[in-house]
Amino acid sequence: MPETTPGNVFAGHVLEWHSEEGWGVLASEALPDRVWAHFSVIQAEGFRELTVGQPVTFSAEEAEQDEFHWRAVCVWPEAEAHRQSNGDGPGFSSGLDITFDS
């Protein structure tokens, strides 16, 4: 089993997503098992859901959730920048992604 801490961030994708129930399953080659994810940990504005096959970046912790041994702590959909607060005060962050057509 890989040595991981809750602060570790993994690249992966969505294996399944149940919009009506608000949860799904993520996978990463860096982890030995699938990862359970709840909509509340998705870092996005508005209605938070994922789609099957969607690339994501996420942090996870070892935890027993249903039949899963890993639970997502934060999930950043590919379109969202990975910004993690340091927890010191109210803090604000912003970002800018620029894509040029060639």
Protein backbone atom coordinates (compact mmCIF):
# COMPACT_ATOMS: atom_id res chain seq x y z
CA MET A 1 0.00 0.00 0.00
CA PRO A 2 1.40 3.44 -0.86
CA GLU A 3 2.43 5.81 1.90
CA THR A 4 -0.19 8.58 1.85
CA THR A 5 -1.36 11.41 4.07
CA PRO A 6 -4.65 13.36 3.86
CA GLY A 7 -2.75 16.19 2.13
CA ASN A 8 -1.68 14.01 -0.80
CA VAL A 9 -3.22 14.94 -4.13
CA PHE A 10 -3.91 12.39 -6.85
CA ALA A 11 -4.78 12.59 -10.54
CA GLY A 12 -7.56 10.28 -11.59
CA HIS A 13 -10.94 9.94 -13.24
CA VAL A 14 -14.57 9.26 -12.39
CA LEU A 15 -15.55 5.58 -12.64
CA GLU A 16 -19.22 6.06 -11.76
CA TRP A 17 -21.48 8.85 -10.56
CA HIS A 18 -25.00 8.67 -9.04
CA SER A 19 -26.46 12.18 -9.42
CA GLU A 20 -29.74 11.30 -7.75
CA GLU A 21 -27.89 10.08 -4.64
CA GLY A 22 -24.99 12.56 -4.75
CA TRP A 23 -22.04 10.18 -4.67
CA GLY A 24 -19.68 8.31 -6.94
CA VAL A 25 -16.44 6.43 -7.32
CA LEU A 26 -13.03 7.76 -8.38
CA ALA A 27 -9.88 5.91 -9.42
CA SER A 28 -6.20 6.78 -9.52
CA GLU A 29 -3.23 4.68 -10.58
CA ALA A 30 -1.47 5.98 -7.43
CA LEU A 31 -3.96 4.25 -5.10
CA PRO A 32 -4.60 0.51 -4.71
CA ASP A 33 -8.39 0.81 -4.42
CA ARG A 34 -11.33 2.82 -5.69
CA VAL A 35 -12.25 6.03 -3.83
CA TRP A 36 -15.76 6.92 -2.60
CA ALA A 37 -16.71 10.59 -3.21
CA HIS A 38 -19.65 12.70 -2.01
CA PHE A 39 -20.92 15.73 -3.93
CA SER A 40 -20.19 17.99 -0.94
CA VAL A 41 -16.40 17.64 -1.44
CA ILE A 42 -16.48 18.78 -5.10
CA GLN A 43 -14.79 22.16 -5.35
CA ALA A 44 -17.06 23.88 -7.88
CA GLU A 45 -19.76 26.55 -8.04
CA GLY A 46 -23.45 25.75 -8.41
CA PHE A 47 -24.81 22.22 -8.75
CA ARG A 48 -21.94 19.86 -7.97
CA GLU A 49 -21.77 16.62 -9.90
CA LEU A 50 -19.25 14.66 -11.93
CA THR A 51 -19.55 12.62 -15.11
CA VAL A 52 -18.21 9.15 -15.87
CA GLY A 53 -14.76 9.33 -17.46
CA GLN A 54 -14.18 12.94 -16.35
CA PRO A 55 -10.57 13.65 -15.29
CA VAL A 56 -10.29 14.91 -11.70
CA THR A 57 -7.66 15.82 -9.15
CA PHE A 58 -8.47 14.83 -5.58
CA SER A 59 -7.16 14.32 -2.09
CA ALA A 60 -8.22 11.22 -0.18
CA GLU A 61 -7.94 9.56 3.20
CA GLU A 62 -8.06 5.94 4.26
CA ALA A 63 -11.54 5.41 5.68
CA GLU A 64 -14.23 2.75 5.62
CA GLN A 65 -17.15 4.09 3.58
CA ASP A 66 -19.63 1.44 2.43
CA GLU A 67 -17.39 -1.20 0.79
CA PHE A 68 -14.63 1.31 -0.04
CA HIS A 69 -11.35 1.74 1.86
CA TRP A 70 -10.70 5.30 0.65
CA ARG A 71 -12.83 8.45 0.85
CA ALA A 72 -12.27 11.67 -1.12
CA VAL A 73 -11.61 14.76 1.02
CA CYS A 74 -11.58 17.32 -1.85
CA VAL A 75 -12.29 16.84 -5.55
CA TRP A 76 -11.30 19.33 -8.22
CA PRO A 77 -12.88 18.73 -11.64
CA GLU A 78 -10.35 19.17 -14.46
CA ALA A 79 -11.78 22.57 -15.39
CA GLU A 80 -11.27 23.90 -11.84
CA ALA A 81 -7.86 25.07 -10.66
CA HIS A 82 -6.47 23.26 -7.62
CA ARG A 83 -6.51 25.88 -4.89
CA GLN A 84 -6.28 24.75 -1.32
CA SER A 85 -6.69 27.17 1.56
CA ASN A 86 -4.00 27.13 4.23
CA GLY A 87 -6.62 27.65 6.95
CA ASP A 88 -5.05 30.89 8.27
CA GLY A 89 -7.80 33.50 8.51
CA PRO A 90 -10.49 34.30 6.00
CA GLY A 91 -8.15 34.31 2.99
CA PHE A 92 -9.14 34.67 -0.61
CA SER A 93 -7.74 33.13 -3.74
CA SER A 94 -8.20 33.75 -7.39
CA GLY A 95 -6.88 32.36 -10.59
CA LEU A 96 -6.81 32.87 -14.29
CA ASP A 97 -6.59 30.23 -17.00
CA ILE A 98 -5.77 31.47 -20.49
CA THR A 99 -6.07 29.25 -23.54
CA PHE A 100 -4.90 30.43 -26.93
CA ASP A 101 -6.34 29.06 -30.15
CA SER A 102 -3.69 28.50 -32.75
